[in-house]
Amino acid sequence: MTLRPWLWLPAISVLGCTLGYSEDELAGGTRPTAASACADYRSAVAADAPLLWHSLDARGAEADATLNSGITCSFGENVEFESDDRAEGCVGTRSVHVGFDPPSGARGFFTCEGAALGFSGSTGFTFEVWLMLPAALQGFPRIMSREWLSANGREGYDVLVAADGAELQFERWNADDSDGAYASLAPLLTTGFHHLVASYDGVTASLYVDGGLRSSAASVKQIASDPSARFALGIAGYLVGEPGQGMDARFDEAAVYAGALSADRVLEHYRQGRGQ
């Protein structure tokens, strides 16, 4: 299913983003309107020319999305679009976002296809999402993945949570061996939505949480090329459709960029998403 291009219309801006105002912010003083906050956040994203951006607020033609030529995206069947009655702004519970553990039971997913998402060799890229993790995590749940299994073992890249639920990992794989950045998961385990960015500049892998750099390390693996591999949120690409797989997290405002976003740009996206 090919999603329509992102349209800059005020009505869409109000519905698509998810601004995470705290109760104190709501109770006191002025703040941006929902429409202006979303426009500011999406302007910050658009300025960095994403290959893929999706608000994760609806399926198909009803969704707000922009996709580079050749990229197509779709949701699995078992997803639930959620919000509360205060939905307004751009990031978090107070807007429409997607949950991959709906009451129906089986976990859903979001996948994209397109050679532009391959980032083979040492090609730089950035992944960005707002997410809320569950209280308990099992296995090695993927936040993001474009992995596949070759005759030599695992290939591709991923962002995942370690089995003990204590570590966030951004890995680049070649022939079943990986390197990358590793950070404490603790900042993501507080209540509400958090901003997560994984970037690679051709030499260094970096992880950012809520606008701040949490970890960076050299990454020298040369990613193989597989144009048919799937990019996925909430599950490893090669496990889509397998029973019992997937991650019961909440996701919002996902984007992928060619090249590494600078620390200043990451912070700007976070500030605009929070309405600062």
Protein backbone atom coordinates (compact mmCIF):
# COMPACT_ATOMS: atom_id res chain seq x y z
CA MET A 1 0.00 0.00 0.00
CA THR A 2 1.48 3.33 -1.02
CA LEU A 3 0.65 6.24 1.26
CA ARG A 4 -0.17 9.65 -0.08
CA PRO A 5 2.36 12.49 0.21
CA TRP A 6 2.41 14.67 3.27
CA LEU A 7 0.08 17.64 2.84
CA TRP A 8 0.60 20.85 4.76
CA LEU A 9 -2.97 21.63 5.81
CA PRO A 10 -3.98 23.03 9.20
CA ALA A 11 -6.65 20.39 9.81
CA ILE A 12 -4.14 17.60 9.22
CA SER A 13 -1.61 19.28 11.48
CA VAL A 14 -4.04 19.26 14.40
CA LEU A 15 -4.81 15.57 14.00
CA GLY A 16 -1.39 14.19 13.26
CA CYS A 17 1.16 15.28 15.86
CA THR A 18 1.36 14.50 19.56
CA LEU A 19 2.72 17.21 21.80
CA GLY A 20 3.62 16.01 25.32
CA TYR A 21 2.60 18.85 27.62
CA SER A 22 2.91 18.05 31.33
CA GLU A 23 0.04 18.68 33.73
CA ASP A 24 1.93 21.72 35.07
CA GLU A 25 2.32 23.12 31.57
CA LEU A 26 -1.38 22.64 30.93
CA ALA A 27 -2.31 24.30 34.21
CA GLY A 28 -0.20 27.43 34.02
CA GLY A 29 0.74 30.02 31.44
CA THR A 30 0.53 30.23 27.70
CA ARG A 31 1.61 27.52 25.31
CA PRO A 32 1.47 26.97 21.56
CA THR A 33 -1.84 25.99 20.05
CA ALA A 34 -2.13 22.41 18.76
CA ALA A 35 -1.97 23.56 15.16
CA SER A 36 1.03 25.84 15.62
CA ALA A 37 2.92 23.30 17.74
CA CYS A 38 2.46 20.60 15.13
CA ALA A 39 3.42 22.94 12.31
CA ASP A 40 6.62 23.91 14.17
CA TYR A 41 7.56 20.30 14.87
CA ARG A 42 6.88 19.14 11.35
CA SER A 43 8.75 22.11 9.92
CA ALA A 44 11.79 21.01 11.94
CA VAL A 45 11.46 17.48 10.57
CA ALA A 46 10.89 18.66 7.00
CA ALA A 47 13.98 20.90 7.15
CA ASP A 48 16.10 17.74 7.43
CA ALA A 49 14.49 16.13 4.35
CA PRO A 50 13.41 12.73 5.69
CA LEU A 51 13.37 9.76 3.34
CA LEU A 52 10.45 8.49 5.39
CA TRP A 53 8.20 10.25 7.87
CA HIS A 54 4.91 8.92 9.23
CA SER A 55 2.69 10.35 11.95
CA LEU A 56 1.48 6.81 12.83
CA ASP A 57 -2.01 8.16 13.40
CA ALA A 58 -4.03 6.32 10.72
CA ARG A 59 -3.83 3.88 7.84
CA GLY A 60 -3.46 4.53 4.13
CA ALA A 61 -4.89 7.69 2.62
CA GLU A 62 -6.05 8.89 6.06
CA ALA A 63 -2.50 9.03 7.42
CA ASP A 64 -0.08 11.96 7.46
CA ALA A 65 3.09 10.77 5.76
CA THR A 66 5.86 11.66 3.36
CA LEU A 67 7.78 8.92 1.57
CA ASN A 68 10.79 9.10 -0.71
CA SER A 69 10.27 7.73 -4.21
CA GLY A 70 10.24 3.93 -4.15
CA ILE A 71 9.30 3.58 -0.46
CA THR A 72 5.94 2.04 0.47
CA CYS A 73 4.63 1.45 4.00
CA SER A 74 1.75 -0.38 5.68
CA PHE A 75 0.41 -1.46 9.05
CA GLY A 76 -0.29 -5.03 10.05
CA GLU A 77 -3.85 -5.92 10.94
CA ASN A 78 -3.46 -6.00 14.71
CA VAL A 79 -2.77 -2.37 15.53
CA GLU A 80 -4.80 0.12 17.52
CA PHE A 81 -4.80 3.89 17.02
CA GLU A 82 -5.10 5.52 20.42
CA SER A 83 -5.62 8.90 22.06
CA ASP A 84 -7.46 10.35 25.02
CA ASP A 85 -10.13 13.04 24.97
CA ARG A 86 -7.49 15.78 25.40
CA ALA A 87 -5.75 14.88 22.13
CA GLU A 88 -3.97 17.98 20.89
CA GLY A 89 -0.57 19.05 19.67
CA CYS A 90 2.31 16.90 18.49
CA VAL A 91 3.88 14.09 20.69
CA GLY A 92 2.55 11.67 23.31
CA THR A 93 -0.68 10.44 24.80
CA ARG A 94 -2.62 13.57 23.96
CA SER A 95 -2.69 12.85 20.27
CA VAL A 96 -3.32 9.96 17.98
CA HIS A 97 -0.54 7.36 18.06
CA VAL A 98 -0.32 3.63 17.38
CA GLY A 99 -0.22 0.73 19.84
CA PHE A 100 1.03 -2.70 18.82
CA ASP A 101 -0.63 -4.66 21.65
CA PRO A 102 -4.36 -4.05 21.14
CA PRO A 103 -7.11 -5.80 23.15
CA SER A 104 -7.49 -8.38 20.36
CA GLY A 105 -4.22 -9.93 21.56
CA ALA A 106 -1.88 -10.59 18.62
CA ARG A 107 0.75 -7.86 18.32
CA GLY A 108 0.75 -5.63 15.27
CA PHE A 109 3.54 -3.91 13.39
CA PHE A 110 4.42 -1.22 10.85
CA THR A 111 6.67 -2.06 7.89
CA CYS A 112 8.20 -0.26 4.93
CA GLU A 113 9.94 -1.46 1.79
CA GLY A 114 12.36 0.39 -0.46
CA ALA A 115 16.02 0.15 -1.45
CA ALA A 116 16.61 3.71 -0.13
CA LEU A 117 16.32 2.31 3.42
CA GLY A 118 19.16 -0.19 2.92
CA PHE A 119 22.14 2.00 3.99
CA SER A 120 24.59 -0.64 2.80
CA GLY A 121 28.32 -0.50 3.45
CA SER A 122 29.08 2.43 5.75
CA THR A 123 26.27 4.71 4.49
CA GLY A 124 25.10 7.12 7.16
CA PHE A 125 21.50 7.42 8.32
CA THR A 126 19.28 8.49 11.23
CA PHE A 127 16.21 6.87 12.76
CA GLU A 128 13.84 8.92 14.94
CA VAL A 129 10.69 8.03 16.88
CA TRP A 130 8.65 9.01 19.93
CA LEU A 131 7.71 5.99 22.02
CA MET A 132 6.31 4.75 25.31
CA LEU A 133 7.64 1.41 26.50
CA PRO A 134 5.65 -1.15 28.52
CA ALA A 135 6.46 -1.81 32.17
CA ALA A 136 7.81 -5.29 31.40
CA LEU A 137 9.95 -6.36 28.44
CA GLN A 138 10.82 -9.89 27.38
CA GLY A 139 13.34 -11.30 24.92
CA PHE A 140 15.13 -8.81 22.67
CA PRO A 141 12.21 -6.65 21.46
CA ARG A 142 12.96 -4.45 18.46
CA ILE A 143 12.04 -0.80 18.51
CA MET A 144 13.22 -0.57 14.88
CA SER A 145 14.74 -3.15 12.56
CA ARG A 146 15.85 -3.73 9.00
CA GLU A 147 17.38 -7.14 9.53
CA TRP A 148 17.44 -10.26 7.44
CA LEU A 149 19.05 -13.68 7.62
CA SER A 150 21.59 -14.63 4.95
CA ALA A 151 23.69 -17.77 4.50
CA ASN A 152 26.27 -15.99 6.67
CA GLY A 153 23.85 -15.11 9.48
CA ARG A 154 22.19 -11.87 10.53
CA GLU A 155 22.59 -8.75 8.37
CA GLY A 156 21.29 -5.18 8.53
CA TYR A 157 20.63 -2.83 11.45
CA ASP A 158 18.34 -2.51 14.47
CA VAL A 159 17.51 -0.65 17.68
CA LEU A 160 16.45 -3.04 20.43
CA VAL A 161 16.11 -3.59 24.16
CA ALA A 162 18.44 -6.13 25.81
CA ALA A 163 16.98 -9.28 27.34
CA ASP A 164 17.30 -8.02 30.92
CA GLY A 165 15.47 -4.80 30.06
CA ALA A 166 18.41 -2.67 31.21
CA GLU A 167 20.13 -1.66 27.97
CA LEU A 168 19.21 0.07 24.74
CA GLN A 169 21.22 -1.15 21.74
CA PHE A 170 21.79 0.33 18.27
CA GLU A 171 23.49 -2.35 16.18
CA ARG A 172 24.83 -2.70 12.65
CA TRP A 173 25.21 -6.27 11.47
CA ASN A 174 27.45 -8.10 9.00
CA ALA A 175 27.69 -11.91 8.75
CA ASP A 176 26.18 -12.48 12.21
CA ASP A 177 28.57 -10.04 13.91
CA SER A 178 27.65 -6.55 15.10
CA ASP A 179 28.93 -3.35 16.63
CA GLY A 180 27.26 -0.06 17.56
CA ALA A 181 26.14 2.10 20.49
CA TYR A 182 24.82 0.85 23.82
CA ALA A 183 23.11 2.93 26.51
CA SER A 184 21.17 2.52 29.73
CA LEU A 185 17.48 2.01 29.14
CA ALA A 186 16.55 3.79 32.37
CA PRO A 187 15.69 7.20 30.81
CA LEU A 188 13.07 5.51 28.61
CA LEU A 189 11.34 3.68 31.45
CA THR A 190 9.64 6.68 33.03
CA THR A 191 5.99 7.45 32.42
CA GLY A 192 4.94 8.80 29.05
CA PHE A 193 6.46 9.25 25.62
CA HIS A 194 10.16 9.82 25.01
CA HIS A 195 12.14 10.96 21.99
CA LEU A 196 14.63 8.39 20.67
CA VAL A 197 17.19 8.94 17.89
CA ALA A 198 19.78 6.50 16.52
CA SER A 199 22.27 7.96 14.05
CA TYR A 200 25.29 6.74 12.10
CA ASP A 201 27.68 9.06 10.25
CA GLY A 202 29.76 6.41 8.47
CA VAL A 203 32.15 6.06 11.41
CA THR A 204 30.29 6.52 14.70
CA ALA A 205 26.96 5.14 15.96
CA SER A 206 25.09 7.36 18.42
CA LEU A 207 22.00 7.10 20.62
CA TYR A 208 20.04 10.14 21.84
CA VAL A 209 17.18 10.18 24.37
CA ASP A 210 15.03 13.28 24.89
CA GLY A 211 17.46 15.50 23.00
CA GLY A 212 20.62 14.41 24.81
CA LEU A 213 23.45 12.14 23.63
CA ARG A 214 23.43 8.94 25.73
CA SER A 215 26.08 6.87 23.94
CA SER A 216 28.39 6.90 20.93
CA ALA A 217 30.91 4.35 19.66
CA ALA A 218 32.84 3.44 16.54
CA SER A 219 30.96 1.16 14.14
CA VAL A 220 32.98 -0.42 11.34
CA LYS A 221 30.68 -3.18 10.07
CA GLN A 222 29.90 -3.06 6.36
CA ILE A 223 26.19 -3.72 5.91
CA ALA A 224 25.35 -6.05 3.04
CA SER A 225 22.79 -5.12 0.39
CA ASP A 226 19.33 -6.69 0.18
CA PRO A 227 16.78 -4.47 -1.59
CA SER A 228 13.93 -6.77 -0.56
CA ALA A 229 14.54 -6.55 3.22
CA ARG A 230 11.78 -4.89 5.24
CA PHE A 231 12.15 -1.94 7.59
CA ALA A 232 9.89 -2.46 10.62
CA LEU A 233 8.76 -0.84 13.85
CA GLY A 234 8.04 -3.07 16.83
CA ILE A 235 9.43 -6.27 15.32
CA ALA A 236 12.44 -7.66 13.46
CA GLY A 237 11.75 -7.46 9.74
CA TYR A 238 12.33 -11.18 9.20
CA LEU A 239 9.87 -12.09 12.02
CA VAL A 240 6.83 -10.24 10.64
CA GLY A 241 3.89 -12.61 10.74
CA GLU A 242 5.47 -15.05 13.20
CA PRO A 243 3.19 -15.92 16.17
CA GLY A 244 4.16 -14.40 19.51
CA GLN A 245 6.59 -11.89 18.02
CA GLY A 246 6.50 -8.12 18.31
CA MET A 247 6.73 -5.42 20.95
CA ASP A 248 3.77 -4.04 22.94
CA ALA A 249 4.95 -0.42 22.89
CA ARG A 250 3.31 2.82 21.75
CA PHE A 251 4.89 4.62 18.77
CA ASP A 252 4.48 8.12 17.34
CA GLU A 253 6.03 10.38 14.67
CA ALA A 254 8.61 8.03 13.10
CA ALA A 255 11.21 9.26 10.59
CA VAL A 256 14.29 8.04 8.73
CA TYR A 257 16.90 10.38 7.22
CA ALA A 258 19.82 9.90 4.84
CA GLY A 259 22.93 10.87 6.79
CA ALA A 260 23.42 11.58 10.49
CA LEU A 261 21.47 14.39 12.11
CA SER A 262 23.71 16.69 14.14
CA ALA A 263 23.30 16.91 17.91
CA ASP A 264 21.87 20.41 17.45
CA ARG A 265 19.20 19.15 15.04
CA VAL A 266 18.27 16.27 17.34
CA LEU A 267 17.82 18.72 20.21
CA GLU A 268 15.76 21.04 18.01
CA HIS A 269 13.41 18.20 17.04
CA TYR A 270 12.98 17.29 20.71
CA ARG A 271 12.29 20.89 21.74
CA GLN A 272 9.78 21.44 18.97
CA GLY A 273 8.08 18.13 19.78
CA ARG A 274 7.72 19.25 23.39
CA GLY A 275 6.49 22.68 22.36
CA GLN A 276 9.52 24.48 23.82
